[in-house]
Amino acid sequence: QAGGSLRISCAGSGIIFRLNAMRWYRQAPG
């Protein structure tokens, strides 16, 4: 619901994770 909270996660493999910048993008319909 509006006003609520959520935590999303991203697990990586095949990379040296600590050396990489990480990004979150989003895409809404249209």
PDB file of all heavy atoms in Angstrom:
ATOM      1  N   GLN A   1       0.827  -1.199   0.000  1.00  0.00           N
ATOM      2  CA  GLN A   1       0.000   0.000   0.000  1.00  0.00           C
ATOM      3  C   GLN A   1       0.863   1.250   0.000  1.00  0.00           C
ATOM      4  O   GLN A   1       2.006   1.239   0.471  1.00  0.00           O
ATOM      5  CB  GLN A   1      -0.917   0.019   1.217  1.00  0.00           C
ATOM      6  CG  GLN A   1      -2.018  -1.017   1.187  1.00  0.00           C
ATOM      7  CD  GLN A   1      -2.975  -0.865   2.342  1.00  0.00           C
ATOM      8  OE1 GLN A   1      -2.563  -0.590   3.462  1.00  0.00           O
ATOM      9  NE2 GLN A   1      -4.254  -1.036   2.075  1.00  0.00           N
ATOM     10  N   ALA A   2       0.325   2.325  -0.546  1.00  0.00           N
ATOM     11  CA  ALA A   2       1.014   3.608  -0.501  1.00  0.00           C
ATOM     12  C   ALA A   2       1.386   3.946   0.940  1.00  0.00           C
ATOM     13  O   ALA A   2       0.585   3.766   1.857  1.00  0.00           O
ATOM     14  CB  ALA A   2       0.139   4.698  -1.097  1.00  0.00           C
ATOM     15  N   GLY A   3       2.607   4.437   1.105  1.00  0.00           N
ATOM     16  CA  GLY A   3       3.114   4.736   2.432  1.00  0.00           C
ATOM     17  C   GLY A   3       3.864   3.593   3.073  1.00  0.00           C
ATOM     18  O   GLY A   3       4.532   3.792   4.092  1.00  0.00           O
ATOM     19  N   GLY A   4       3.780   2.419   2.490  1.00  0.00           N
ATOM     20  CA  GLY A   4       4.441   1.251   3.028  1.00  0.00           C
ATOM     21  C   GLY A   4       5.892   1.152   2.603  1.00  0.00           C
ATOM     22  O   GLY A   4       6.420   2.020   1.909  1.00  0.00           O
ATOM     23  N   SER A   5       6.531   0.062   3.019  1.00  0.00           N
ATOM     24  CA  SER A   5       7.953  -0.157   2.753  1.00  0.00           C
ATOM     25  C   SER A   5       8.179  -1.539   2.168  1.00  0.00           C
ATOM     26  O   SER A   5       7.401  -2.472   2.384  1.00  0.00           O
ATOM     27  CB  SER A   5       8.767  -0.023   4.046  1.00  0.00           C
ATOM     28  OG  SER A   5       8.679   1.274   4.590  1.00  0.00           O
ATOM     29  N   LEU A   6       9.281  -1.652   1.447  1.00  0.00           N
ATOM     30  CA  LEU A   6       9.675  -2.911   0.850  1.00  0.00           C
ATOM     31  C   LEU A   6      11.179  -2.889   0.639  1.00  0.00           C
ATOM     32  O   LEU A   6      11.743  -1.834   0.318  1.00  0.00           O
ATOM     33  CB  LEU A   6       8.960  -3.112  -0.483  1.00  0.00           C
ATOM     34  CG  LEU A   6       8.859  -4.516  -1.071  1.00  0.00           C
ATOM     35  CD1 LEU A   6       8.005  -5.410  -0.170  1.00  0.00           C
ATOM     36  CD2 LEU A   6       8.256  -4.453  -2.467  1.00  0.00           C
ATOM     37  N   ARG A   7      11.831  -4.032   0.816  1.00  0.00           N
ATOM     38  CA  ARG A   7      13.247  -4.152   0.503  1.00  0.00           C
ATOM     39  C   ARG A   7      13.435  -5.209  -0.568  1.00  0.00           C
ATOM     40  O   ARG A   7      13.000  -6.348  -0.403  1.00  0.00           O
ATOM     41  CB  ARG A   7      14.077  -4.519   1.741  1.00  0.00           C
ATOM     42  CG  ARG A   7      15.585  -4.472   1.457  1.00  0.00           C
ATOM     43  CD  ARG A   7      16.433  -4.742   2.674  1.00  0.00           C
ATOM     44  NE  ARG A   7      16.452  -6.150   3.039  1.00  0.00           N
ATOM     45  CZ  ARG A   7      17.366  -6.718   3.817  1.00  0.00           C
ATOM     46  NH1 ARG A   7      18.346  -5.976   4.329  1.00  0.00           N
ATOM     47  NH2 ARG A   7      17.281  -8.005   4.111  1.00  0.00           N
ATOM     48  N   ILE A   8      14.077  -4.826  -1.654  1.00  0.00           N
ATOM     49  CA  ILE A   8      14.380  -5.764  -2.716  1.00  0.00           C
ATOM     50  C   ILE A   8      15.879  -6.034  -2.740  1.00  0.00           C
ATOM     51  O   ILE A   8      16.686  -5.215  -2.295  1.00  0.00           O
ATOM     52  CB  ILE A   8      13.883  -5.277  -4.092  1.00  0.00           C
ATOM     53  CG1 ILE A   8      14.451  -3.893  -4.442  1.00  0.00           C
ATOM     54  CG2 ILE A   8      12.359  -5.242  -4.116  1.00  0.00           C
ATOM     55  CD1 ILE A   8      14.057  -3.406  -5.829  1.00  0.00           C
ATOM     56  N   SER A   9      16.248  -7.197  -3.271  1.00  0.00           N
ATOM     57  CA  SER A   9      17.628  -7.652  -3.242  1.00  0.00           C
ATOM     58  C   SER A   9      18.088  -8.059  -4.632  1.00  0.00           C
ATOM     59  O   SER A   9      17.284  -8.425  -5.489  1.00  0.00           O
ATOM     60  CB  SER A   9      17.780  -8.856  -2.304  1.00  0.00           C
ATOM     61  OG  SER A   9      17.343  -8.561  -1.003  1.00  0.00           O
ATOM     62  N   CYS A  10      19.398  -8.013  -4.834  1.00  0.00           N
ATOM     63  CA  CYS A  10      20.014  -8.484  -6.065  1.00  0.00           C
ATOM     64  C   CYS A  10      21.242  -9.294  -5.694  1.00  0.00           C
ATOM     65  O   CYS A  10      22.178  -8.758  -5.087  1.00  0.00           O
ATOM     66  CB  CYS A  10      20.395  -7.314  -6.964  1.00  0.00           C
ATOM     67  SG  CYS A  10      21.382  -7.770  -8.407  1.00  0.00           S
ATOM     68  N   ALA A  11      21.243 -10.564  -6.052  1.00  0.00           N
ATOM     69  CA  ALA A  11      22.374 -11.448  -5.803  1.00  0.00           C
ATOM     70  C   ALA A  11      23.174 -11.622  -7.088  1.00  0.00           C
ATOM     71  O   ALA A  11      22.609 -11.945  -8.134  1.00  0.00           O
ATOM     72  CB  ALA A  11      21.893 -12.798  -5.290  1.00  0.00           C
ATOM     73  N   GLY A  12      24.479 -11.413  -7.008  1.00  0.00           N
ATOM     74  CA  GLY A  12      25.336 -11.501  -8.173  1.00  0.00           C
ATOM     75  C   GLY A  12      26.271 -12.689  -8.119  1.00  0.00           C
ATOM     76  O   GLY A  12      26.683 -13.136  -7.051  1.00  0.00           O
ATOM     77  N   SER A  13      26.615 -13.197  -9.299  1.00  0.00           N
ATOM     78  CA  SER A  13      27.608 -14.252  -9.426  1.00  0.00           C
ATOM     79  C   SER A  13      28.374 -14.048 -10.728  1.00  0.00           C
ATOM     80  O   SER A  13      27.900 -13.377 -11.649  1.00  0.00           O
ATOM     81  CB  SER A  13      26.960 -15.639  -9.392  1.00  0.00           C
ATOM     82  OG  SER A  13      26.062 -15.807 -10.478  1.00  0.00           O
ATOM     83  N   GLY A  14      29.570 -14.630 -10.811  1.00  0.00           N
ATOM     84  CA  GLY A  14      30.379 -14.490 -12.003  1.00  0.00           C
ATOM     85  C   GLY A  14      31.104 -13.160 -12.114  1.00  0.00           C
ATOM     86  O   GLY A  14      31.651 -12.840 -13.171  1.00  0.00           O
ATOM     87  N   ILE A  15      31.110 -12.381 -11.039  1.00  0.00           N
ATOM     88  CA  ILE A  15      31.799 -11.096 -11.005  1.00  0.00           C
ATOM     89  C   ILE A  15      32.580 -10.989  -9.702  1.00  0.00           C
ATOM     90  O   ILE A  15      32.284 -11.696  -8.731  1.00  0.00           O
ATOM     91  CB  ILE A  15      30.835  -9.906 -11.134  1.00  0.00           C
ATOM     92  CG1 ILE A  15      29.812  -9.917  -9.988  1.00  0.00           C
ATOM     93  CG2 ILE A  15      30.145  -9.921 -12.490  1.00  0.00           C
ATOM     94  CD1 ILE A  15      28.911  -8.703  -9.939  1.00  0.00           C
ATOM     95  N   ILE A  16      33.587 -10.119  -9.711  1.00  0.00           N
ATOM     96  CA  ILE A  16      34.247  -9.770  -8.455  1.00  0.00           C
ATOM     97  C   ILE A  16      33.409  -8.663  -7.851  1.00  0.00           C
ATOM     98  O   ILE A  16      33.598  -7.477  -8.121  1.00  0.00           O
ATOM     99  CB  ILE A  16      35.698  -9.334  -8.688  1.00  0.00           C
ATOM    100  CG1 ILE A  16      36.478 -10.410  -9.446  1.00  0.00           C
ATOM    101  CG2 ILE A  16      36.382  -9.038  -7.354  1.00  0.00           C
ATOM    102  CD1 ILE A  16      37.887 -10.008  -9.824  1.00  0.00           C
ATOM    103  N   PHE A  17      32.460  -9.067  -7.040  1.00  0.00           N
ATOM    104  CA  PHE A  17      31.383  -8.183  -6.629  1.00  0.00           C
ATOM    105  C   PHE A  17      31.893  -6.907  -5.971  1.00  0.00           C
ATOM    106  O   PHE A  17      31.391  -5.812  -6.255  1.00  0.00           O
ATOM    107  CB  PHE A  17      30.430  -8.930  -5.685  1.00  0.00           C
ATOM    108  CG  PHE A  17      29.127  -8.239  -5.469  1.00  0.00           C
ATOM    109  CD1 PHE A  17      28.048  -8.483  -6.303  1.00  0.00           C
ATOM    110  CD2 PHE A  17      28.970  -7.335  -4.429  1.00  0.00           C
ATOM    111  CE1 PHE A  17      26.840  -7.854  -6.108  1.00  0.00           C
ATOM    112  CE2 PHE A  17      27.765  -6.694  -4.222  1.00  0.00           C
ATOM    113  CZ  PHE A  17      26.696  -6.958  -5.073  1.00  0.00           C
ATOM    114  N   ARG A  18      32.884  -7.027  -5.117  1.00  0.00           N
ATOM    115  CA  ARG A  18      33.354  -5.876  -4.357  1.00  0.00           C
ATOM    116  C   ARG A  18      33.993  -4.802  -5.224  1.00  0.00           C
ATOM    117  O   ARG A  18      34.158  -3.669  -4.762  1.00  0.00           O
ATOM    118  CB  ARG A  18      34.343  -6.325  -3.278  1.00  0.00           C
ATOM    119  CG  ARG A  18      35.624  -6.932  -3.829  1.00  0.00           C
ATOM    120  CD  ARG A  18      36.549  -7.373  -2.699  1.00  0.00           C
ATOM    121  NE  ARG A  18      37.744  -8.031  -3.203  1.00  0.00           N
ATOM    122  CZ  ARG A  18      38.841  -7.394  -3.597  1.00  0.00           C
ATOM    123  NH1 ARG A  18      38.907  -6.074  -3.536  1.00  0.00           N
ATOM    124  NH2 ARG A  18      39.888  -8.079  -4.038  1.00  0.00           N
ATOM    125  N   LEU A  19      34.362  -5.125  -6.462  1.00  0.00           N
ATOM    126  CA  LEU A  19      35.002  -4.175  -7.355  1.00  0.00           C
ATOM    127  C   LEU A  19      34.027  -3.502  -8.315  1.00  0.00           C
ATOM    128  O   LEU A  19      34.430  -2.631  -9.089  1.00  0.00           O
ATOM    129  CB  LEU A  19      36.109  -4.864  -8.161  1.00  0.00           C
ATOM    130  CG  LEU A  19      37.245  -5.480  -7.349  1.00  0.00           C
ATOM    131  CD1 LEU A  19      38.265  -6.117  -8.282  1.00  0.00           C
ATOM    132  CD2 LEU A  19      37.911  -4.438  -6.470  1.00  0.00           C
ATOM    133  N   ASN A  20      32.782  -3.886  -8.286  1.00  0.00           N
ATOM    134  CA  ASN A  20      31.801  -3.382  -9.227  1.00  0.00           C
ATOM    135  C   ASN A  20      30.848  -2.372  -8.605  1.00  0.00           C
ATOM    136  O   ASN A  20      30.331  -2.589  -7.510  1.00  0.00           O
ATOM    137  CB  ASN A  20      30.977  -4.527  -9.808  1.00  0.00           C
ATOM    138  CG  ASN A  20      31.678  -5.229 -10.941  1.00  0.00           C
ATOM    139  OD1 ASN A  20      32.713  -5.860 -10.752  1.00  0.00           O
ATOM    140  ND2 ASN A  20      31.107  -5.107 -12.136  1.00  0.00           N
ATOM    141  N   ALA A  21      30.614  -1.289  -9.342  1.00  0.00           N
ATOM    142  CA  ALA A  21      29.500  -0.425  -9.000  1.00  0.00           C
ATOM    143  C   ALA A  21      28.206  -1.145  -9.355  1.00  0.00           C
ATOM    144  O   ALA A  21      28.125  -1.830 -10.378  1.00  0.00           O
ATOM    145  CB  ALA A  21      29.590   0.904  -9.753  1.00  0.00           C
ATOM    146  N   MET A  22      27.206  -1.000  -8.523  1.00  0.00           N
ATOM    147  CA  MET A  22      25.925  -1.649  -8.740  1.00  0.00           C
ATOM    148  C   MET A  22      24.838  -0.590  -8.869  1.00  0.00           C
ATOM    149  O   MET A  22      24.900   0.454  -8.212  1.00  0.00           O
ATOM    150  CB  MET A  22      25.589  -2.601  -7.595  1.00  0.00           C
ATOM    151  CG  MET A  22      26.646  -3.662  -7.325  1.00  0.00           C
ATOM    152  SD  MET A  22      26.951  -4.774  -8.732  1.00  0.00           S
ATOM    153  CE  MET A  22      25.336  -5.556  -8.911  1.00  0.00           C
ATOM    154  N   ARG A  23      23.846  -0.875  -9.697  1.00  0.00           N
ATOM    155  CA  ARG A  23      22.789   0.075  -9.965  1.00  0.00           C
ATOM    156  C   ARG A  23      21.424  -0.590  -9.892  1.00  0.00           C
ATOM    157  O   ARG A  23      21.275  -1.769 -10.199  1.00  0.00           O
ATOM    158  CB  ARG A  23      22.962   0.699 -11.356  1.00  0.00           C
ATOM    159  CG  ARG A  23      24.284   1.414 -11.561  1.00  0.00           C
ATOM    160  CD  ARG A  23      24.442   1.887 -13.002  1.00  0.00           C
ATOM    161  NE  ARG A  23      25.682   2.620 -13.210  1.00  0.00           N
ATOM    162  CZ  ARG A  23      26.838   2.064 -13.536  1.00  0.00           C
ATOM    163  NH1 ARG A  23      26.928   0.748 -13.707  1.00  0.00           N
ATOM    164  NH2 ARG A  23      27.920   2.817 -13.701  1.00  0.00           N
ATOM    165  N   TRP A  24      20.450   0.196  -9.486  1.00  0.00           N
ATOM    166  CA  TRP A  24      19.054  -0.185  -9.603  1.00  0.00           C
ATOM    167  C   TRP A  24      18.380   0.717 -10.626  1.00  0.00           C
ATOM    168  O   TRP A  24      18.499   1.944 -10.550  1.00  0.00           O
ATOM    169  CB  TRP A  24      18.319  -0.065  -8.269  1.00  0.00           C
ATOM    170  CG  TRP A  24      18.592  -1.158  -7.290  1.00  0.00           C
ATOM    171  CD1 TRP A  24      19.408  -1.100  -6.207  1.00  0.00           C
ATOM    172  CD2 TRP A  24      18.020  -2.470  -7.303  1.00  0.00           C
ATOM    173  NE1 TRP A  24      19.387  -2.294  -5.532  1.00  0.00           N
ATOM    174  CE2 TRP A  24      18.548  -3.150  -6.181  1.00  0.00           C
ATOM    175  CE3 TRP A  24      17.119  -3.137  -8.138  1.00  0.00           C
ATOM    176  CZ2 TRP A  24      18.202  -4.473  -5.880  1.00  0.00           C
ATOM    177  CZ3 TRP A  24      16.780  -4.443  -7.849  1.00  0.00           C
ATOM    178  CH2 TRP A  24      17.319  -5.090  -6.732  1.00  0.00           C
ATOM    179  N   TYR A  25      17.708   0.117 -11.584  1.00  0.00           N
ATOM    180  CA  TYR A  25      16.858   0.802 -12.539  1.00  0.00           C
ATOM    181  C   TYR A  25      15.419   0.356 -12.316  1.00  0.00           C
ATOM    182  O   TYR A  25      15.154  -0.671 -11.683  1.00  0.00           O
ATOM    183  CB  TYR A  25      17.250   0.463 -13.978  1.00  0.00           C
ATOM    184  CG  TYR A  25      18.517   1.098 -14.494  1.00  0.00           C
ATOM    185  CD1 TYR A  25      19.766   0.614 -14.136  1.00  0.00           C
ATOM    186  CD2 TYR A  25      18.459   2.173 -15.381  1.00  0.00           C
ATOM    187  CE1 TYR A  25      20.930   1.181 -14.627  1.00  0.00           C
ATOM    188  CE2 TYR A  25      19.614   2.745 -15.887  1.00  0.00           C
ATOM    189  CZ  TYR A  25      20.845   2.245 -15.510  1.00  0.00           C
ATOM    190  OH  TYR A  25      21.999   2.804 -16.019  1.00  0.00           O
ATOM    191  N   ARG A  26      14.495   1.115 -12.869  1.00  0.00           N
ATOM    192  CA  ARG A  26      13.109   0.685 -12.870  1.00  0.00           C
ATOM    193  C   ARG A  26      12.455   1.089 -14.183  1.00  0.00           C
ATOM    194  O   ARG A  26      12.871   2.037 -14.838  1.00  0.00           O
ATOM    195  CB  ARG A  26      12.327   1.253 -11.689  1.00  0.00           C
ATOM    196  CG  ARG A  26      12.110   2.756 -11.721  1.00  0.00           C
ATOM    197  CD  ARG A  26      11.428   3.212 -10.432  1.00  0.00           C
ATOM    198  NE  ARG A  26      11.172   4.647 -10.439  1.00  0.00           N
ATOM    199  CZ  ARG A  26      10.710   5.325  -9.394  1.00  0.00           C
ATOM    200  NH1 ARG A  26      10.447   4.693  -8.248  1.00  0.00           N
ATOM    201  NH2 ARG A  26      10.500   6.636  -9.496  1.00  0.00           N
ATOM    202  N   GLN A  27      11.429   0.351 -14.543  1.00  0.00           N
ATOM    203  CA  GLN A  27      10.691   0.642 -15.756  1.00  0.00           C
ATOM    204  C   GLN A  27       9.209   0.408 -15.517  1.00  0.00           C
ATOM    205  O   GLN A  27       8.795  -0.703 -15.189  1.00  0.00           O
ATOM    206  CB  GLN A  27      11.179  -0.217 -16.923  1.00  0.00           C
ATOM    207  CG  GLN A  27      10.570   0.170 -18.257  1.00  0.00           C
ATOM    208  CD  GLN A  27      11.284  -0.478 -19.424  1.00  0.00           C
ATOM    209  OE1 GLN A  27      11.880  -1.538 -19.289  1.00  0.00           O
ATOM    210  NE2 GLN A  27      11.233   0.167 -20.582  1.00  0.00           N
ATOM    211  N   ALA A  28       8.432   1.465 -15.676  1.00  0.00           N
ATOM    212  CA  ALA A  28       6.990   1.385 -15.570  1.00  0.00           C
ATOM    213  C   ALA A  28       6.405   1.146 -16.954  1.00  0.00           C
ATOM    214  O   ALA A  28       7.030   1.470 -17.970  1.00  0.00           O
ATOM    215  CB  ALA A  28       6.430   2.667 -14.966  1.00  0.00           C
ATOM    216  N   PRO A  29       5.198   0.590 -17.031  1.00  0.00           N
ATOM    217  CA  PRO A  29       4.582   0.341 -18.338  1.00  0.00           C
ATOM    218  C   PRO A  29       4.493   1.602 -19.187  1.00  0.00           C
ATOM    219  O   PRO A  29       4.052   2.649 -18.709  1.00  0.00           O
ATOM    220  CB  PRO A  29       3.189  -0.178 -17.970  1.00  0.00           C
ATOM    221  CG  PRO A  29       3.368  -0.784 -16.617  1.00  0.00           C
ATOM    222  CD  PRO A  29       4.364   0.096 -15.928  1.00  0.00           C
ATOM    223  N   GLY A  30       4.942   1.507 -20.426  1.00  0.00           N
ATOM    224  CA  GLY A  30       4.874   2.626 -21.344  1.00  0.00           C
ATOM    225  C   GLY A  30       5.917   3.699 -21.137  1.00  0.00           C
ATOM    226  O   GLY A  30       5.875   4.728 -21.821  1.00  0.00           O
TER     227      GLY A  30
END
